[in-house]
Amino acid sequence: MWLEPPGELQQQEPLEAARPTPVSGAWIGEVSEGISYQVCMNVPKDLRQPGSVTYFDGLSCGGEIRHVNEAAGLHTFVETLTFGNVANGGACADDGRIETQLNPDGSLDWDWFPTDSNEVQVSGTLRRVSSCP
């Protein structure tokens, strides 16, 4: 009689390795919505993992980003701020949506939308850096 090993001992399919995307890495640049300030965004190699965003030089807030979609090179992230946001007594929105698209010159178009709107409120172009300040 042949017995099957318990489920936890059976060989399982290896998880698919995360493939870095062209938008993975650290990005920094000036963005504007009537006032200008800097943004630095860390996009993880594995888009299933959270990344981070920080706003500075005019604002002081930041938090987590999560990749939610990619279509024709347009990457969409949702943002949840954890410091400097309205919920914590700051001036920044609590959450929003970020859309990015890589340009032929290697820069990254960056647009921010309120969660309940399809109108761009903040936009700019970011450049790749080794890390965020």
C-alpha atoms as a PDB file:
ATOM      1  CA  MET A   1       0.000   0.000   0.000  1.00  0.00           C
ATOM      2  CA  TRP A   2       1.356   3.444  -0.976  1.00  0.00           C
ATOM      3  CA  LEU A   3       0.559   6.387   1.286  1.00  0.00           C
ATOM      4  CA  GLU A   4       0.500  10.008   0.163  1.00  0.00           C
ATOM      5  CA  PRO A   5       2.633  12.362   2.258  1.00  0.00           C
ATOM      6  CA  PRO A   6       0.702  15.023   4.142  1.00  0.00           C
ATOM      7  CA  GLY A   7      -0.093  18.145   2.077  1.00  0.00           C
ATOM      8  CA  GLU A   8       2.571  20.237   3.752  1.00  0.00           C
ATOM      9  CA  LEU A   9       5.233  17.689   2.764  1.00  0.00           C
ATOM     10  CA  GLN A  10       4.136  17.288  -0.838  1.00  0.00           C
ATOM     11  CA  GLN A  11       6.216  19.143  -3.380  1.00  0.00           C
ATOM     12  CA  GLN A  12       4.416  22.322  -4.319  1.00  0.00           C
ATOM     13  CA  GLU A  13       4.676  24.394  -7.432  1.00  0.00           C
ATOM     14  CA  PRO A  14       7.303  27.109  -6.970  1.00  0.00           C
ATOM     15  CA  LEU A  15       5.939  30.623  -6.869  1.00  0.00           C
ATOM     16  CA  GLU A  16       6.482  32.489 -10.083  1.00  0.00           C
ATOM     17  CA  ALA A  17       9.484  34.758  -9.685  1.00  0.00           C
ATOM     18  CA  ALA A  18       8.672  38.434  -9.730  1.00  0.00           C
ATOM     19  CA  ARG A  19       9.833  40.082 -12.905  1.00  0.00           C
ATOM     20  CA  PRO A  20      11.123  43.634 -12.502  1.00  0.00           C
ATOM     21  CA  THR A  21       9.232  46.103 -14.632  1.00  0.00           C
ATOM     22  CA  PRO A  22      10.623  49.175 -16.377  1.00  0.00           C
ATOM     23  CA  VAL A  23       8.971  51.348 -13.704  1.00  0.00           C
ATOM     24  CA  SER A  24      10.565  49.499 -10.753  1.00  0.00           C
ATOM     25  CA  GLY A  25      13.029  51.569  -8.752  1.00  0.00           C
ATOM     26  CA  ALA A  26      13.264  55.045  -7.219  1.00  0.00           C
ATOM     27  CA  TRP A  27      11.922  58.059  -9.087  1.00  0.00           C
ATOM     28  CA  ILE A  28      12.143  61.757  -8.142  1.00  0.00           C
ATOM     29  CA  GLY A  29      10.968  65.016  -9.664  1.00  0.00           C
ATOM     30  CA  GLU A  30       9.017  68.216  -9.371  1.00  0.00           C
ATOM     31  CA  VAL A  31       5.247  68.054  -9.642  1.00  0.00           C
ATOM     32  CA  SER A  32       2.778  70.890  -9.765  1.00  0.00           C
ATOM     33  CA  GLU A  33      -0.823  71.668  -8.883  1.00  0.00           C
ATOM     34  CA  GLY A  34      -0.607  75.465  -8.806  1.00  0.00           C
ATOM     35  CA  ILE A  35       2.173  75.082  -6.237  1.00  0.00           C
ATOM     36  CA  SER A  36       5.244  73.001  -6.957  1.00  0.00           C
ATOM     37  CA  TYR A  37       6.909  70.440  -4.722  1.00  0.00           C
ATOM     38  CA  GLN A  38       9.055  67.318  -4.996  1.00  0.00           C
ATOM     39  CA  VAL A  39       7.899  63.713  -5.034  1.00  0.00           C
ATOM     40  CA  CYS A  40       9.972  60.582  -4.637  1.00  0.00           C
ATOM     41  CA  MET A  41       8.359  57.250  -5.386  1.00  0.00           C
ATOM     42  CA  ASN A  42       9.842  53.802  -4.698  1.00  0.00           C
ATOM     43  CA  VAL A  43       8.315  51.160  -6.949  1.00  0.00           C
ATOM     44  CA  PRO A  44       9.220  47.612  -5.869  1.00  0.00           C
ATOM     45  CA  LYS A  45      10.650  45.039  -8.285  1.00  0.00           C
ATOM     46  CA  ASP A  46       7.777  42.768  -7.344  1.00  0.00           C
ATOM     47  CA  LEU A  47       4.675  44.825  -8.104  1.00  0.00           C
ATOM     48  CA  ARG A  48       2.656  42.591  -5.790  1.00  0.00           C
ATOM     49  CA  GLN A  49       4.522  44.207  -2.881  1.00  0.00           C
ATOM     50  CA  PRO A  50       3.874  47.722  -1.518  1.00  0.00           C
ATOM     51  CA  GLY A  51       6.060  50.656  -2.462  1.00  0.00           C
ATOM     52  CA  SER A  52       6.315  54.146  -1.004  1.00  0.00           C
ATOM     53  CA  VAL A  53       5.793  57.768  -1.919  1.00  0.00           C
ATOM     54  CA  THR A  54       7.093  60.906  -0.190  1.00  0.00           C
ATOM     55  CA  TYR A  55       6.238  64.550  -0.905  1.00  0.00           C
ATOM     56  CA  PHE A  56       8.671  67.275   0.215  1.00  0.00           C
ATOM     57  CA  ASP A  57      10.022  70.798  -0.558  1.00  0.00           C
ATOM     58  CA  GLY A  58       6.586  72.399  -0.246  1.00  0.00           C
ATOM     59  CA  LEU A  59       4.653  69.542   1.328  1.00  0.00           C
ATOM     60  CA  SER A  60       5.616  67.099   4.031  1.00  0.00           C
ATOM     61  CA  CYS A  61       3.718  63.829   3.726  1.00  0.00           C
ATOM     62  CA  GLY A  62       3.996  60.309   2.449  1.00  0.00           C
ATOM     63  CA  GLY A  63       2.916  56.727   2.716  1.00  0.00           C
ATOM     64  CA  GLU A  64       2.352  53.529   0.809  1.00  0.00           C
ATOM     65  CA  ILE A  65       1.595  52.820  -2.847  1.00  0.00           C
ATOM     66  CA  ARG A  66       0.159  49.611  -4.285  1.00  0.00           C
ATOM     67  CA  HIS A  67       0.220  48.679  -7.962  1.00  0.00           C
ATOM     68  CA  VAL A  68      -3.304  47.903  -9.174  1.00  0.00           C
ATOM     69  CA  ASN A  69      -3.134  47.818 -12.971  1.00  0.00           C
ATOM     70  CA  GLU A  70      -0.960  47.929 -16.078  1.00  0.00           C
ATOM     71  CA  ALA A  71      -2.381  48.499 -19.529  1.00  0.00           C
ATOM     72  CA  ALA A  72      -0.349  49.440 -22.602  1.00  0.00           C
ATOM     73  CA  GLY A  73       2.527  50.678 -20.429  1.00  0.00           C
ATOM     74  CA  LEU A  74       0.334  52.808 -18.161  1.00  0.00           C
ATOM     75  CA  HIS A  75       0.890  51.720 -14.552  1.00  0.00           C
ATOM     76  CA  THR A  76      -1.735  52.624 -11.956  1.00  0.00           C
ATOM     77  CA  PHE A  77      -1.059  52.775  -8.221  1.00  0.00           C
ATOM     78  CA  VAL A  78      -3.289  53.592  -5.267  1.00  0.00           C
ATOM     79  CA  GLU A  79      -1.763  55.669  -2.524  1.00  0.00           C
ATOM     80  CA  THR A  80      -2.538  55.659   1.194  1.00  0.00           C
ATOM     81  CA  LEU A  81      -0.729  58.371   3.104  1.00  0.00           C
ATOM     82  CA  THR A  82       0.390  57.597   6.635  1.00  0.00           C
ATOM     83  CA  PHE A  83       1.946  60.912   7.696  1.00  0.00           C
ATOM     84  CA  GLY A  84       1.255  64.573   6.908  1.00  0.00           C
ATOM     85  CA  ASN A  85      -2.233  63.705   5.673  1.00  0.00           C
ATOM     86  CA  VAL A  86      -5.562  65.234   6.739  1.00  0.00           C
ATOM     87  CA  ALA A  87      -6.387  62.257   8.992  1.00  0.00           C
ATOM     88  CA  ASN A  88      -3.175  62.977  10.916  1.00  0.00           C
ATOM     89  CA  GLY A  89      -3.635  66.772  11.028  1.00  0.00           C
ATOM     90  CA  GLY A  90      -1.618  67.524   7.875  1.00  0.00           C
ATOM     91  CA  ALA A  91      -2.372  69.217   4.578  1.00  0.00           C
ATOM     92  CA  CYS A  92      -2.164  66.265   2.161  1.00  0.00           C
ATOM     93  CA  ALA A  93      -5.088  64.176   0.942  1.00  0.00           C
ATOM     94  CA  ASP A  94      -5.438  60.855   2.747  1.00  0.00           C
ATOM     95  CA  ASP A  95      -5.357  58.811  -0.461  1.00  0.00           C
ATOM     96  CA  GLY A  96      -5.310  59.075  -4.235  1.00  0.00           C
ATOM     97  CA  ARG A  97      -4.467  57.369  -7.500  1.00  0.00           C
ATOM     98  CA  ILE A  98      -1.158  57.716  -9.357  1.00  0.00           C
ATOM     99  CA  GLU A  99      -0.701  56.882 -13.034  1.00  0.00           C
ATOM    100  CA  THR A 100       2.765  56.565 -14.558  1.00  0.00           C
ATOM    101  CA  GLN A 101       4.075  55.992 -18.061  1.00  0.00           C
ATOM    102  CA  LEU A 102       7.689  55.494 -19.089  1.00  0.00           C
ATOM    103  CA  ASN A 103       8.904  57.909 -21.789  1.00  0.00           C
ATOM    104  CA  PRO A 104      11.351  56.998 -24.588  1.00  0.00           C
ATOM    105  CA  ASP A 105      14.020  59.173 -22.897  1.00  0.00           C
ATOM    106  CA  GLY A 106      13.773  57.086 -19.694  1.00  0.00           C
ATOM    107  CA  SER A 107      11.829  59.663 -17.685  1.00  0.00           C
ATOM    108  CA  LEU A 108       8.489  58.850 -16.102  1.00  0.00           C
ATOM    109  CA  ASP A 109       5.275  60.816 -16.674  1.00  0.00           C
ATOM    110  CA  TRP A 110       3.489  61.045 -13.316  1.00  0.00           C
ATOM    111  CA  ASP A 111      -0.139  62.094 -12.710  1.00  0.00           C
ATOM    112  CA  TRP A 112      -2.095  62.165  -9.439  1.00  0.00           C
ATOM    113  CA  PHE A 113      -5.880  61.942  -9.209  1.00  0.00           C
ATOM    114  CA  PRO A 114      -8.229  62.201  -6.224  1.00  0.00           C
ATOM    115  CA  THR A 115      -9.750  58.760  -5.608  1.00  0.00           C
ATOM    116  CA  ASP A 116     -13.210  59.936  -6.666  1.00  0.00           C
ATOM    117  CA  SER A 117     -12.167  61.740  -9.872  1.00  0.00           C
ATOM    118  CA  ASN A 118     -10.755  61.120 -13.333  1.00  0.00           C
ATOM    119  CA  GLU A 119      -9.317  64.646 -13.595  1.00  0.00           C
ATOM    120  CA  VAL A 120      -5.574  65.032 -13.120  1.00  0.00           C
ATOM    121  CA  GLN A 121      -4.909  67.291 -10.127  1.00  0.00           C
ATOM    122  CA  VAL A 122      -1.101  67.041  -9.956  1.00  0.00           C
ATOM    123  CA  SER A 123       1.369  66.224 -12.721  1.00  0.00           C
ATOM    124  CA  GLY A 124       5.064  66.169 -13.466  1.00  0.00           C
ATOM    125  CA  THR A 125       7.944  64.187 -14.894  1.00  0.00           C
ATOM    126  CA  LEU A 126      10.187  62.079 -12.688  1.00  0.00           C
ATOM    127  CA  ARG A 127      13.715  60.793 -13.282  1.00  0.00           C
ATOM    128  CA  ARG A 128      15.274  57.587 -12.032  1.00  0.00           C
ATOM    129  CA  VAL A 129      17.586  57.861  -9.000  1.00  0.00           C
ATOM    130  CA  SER A 130      19.464  55.316  -6.908  1.00  0.00           C
ATOM    131  CA  SER A 131      17.292  56.010  -3.840  1.00  0.00           C
ATOM    132  CA  CYS A 132      14.910  58.532  -2.353  1.00  0.00           C
ATOM    133  CA  PRO A 133      16.313  61.145   0.041  1.00  0.00           C
END
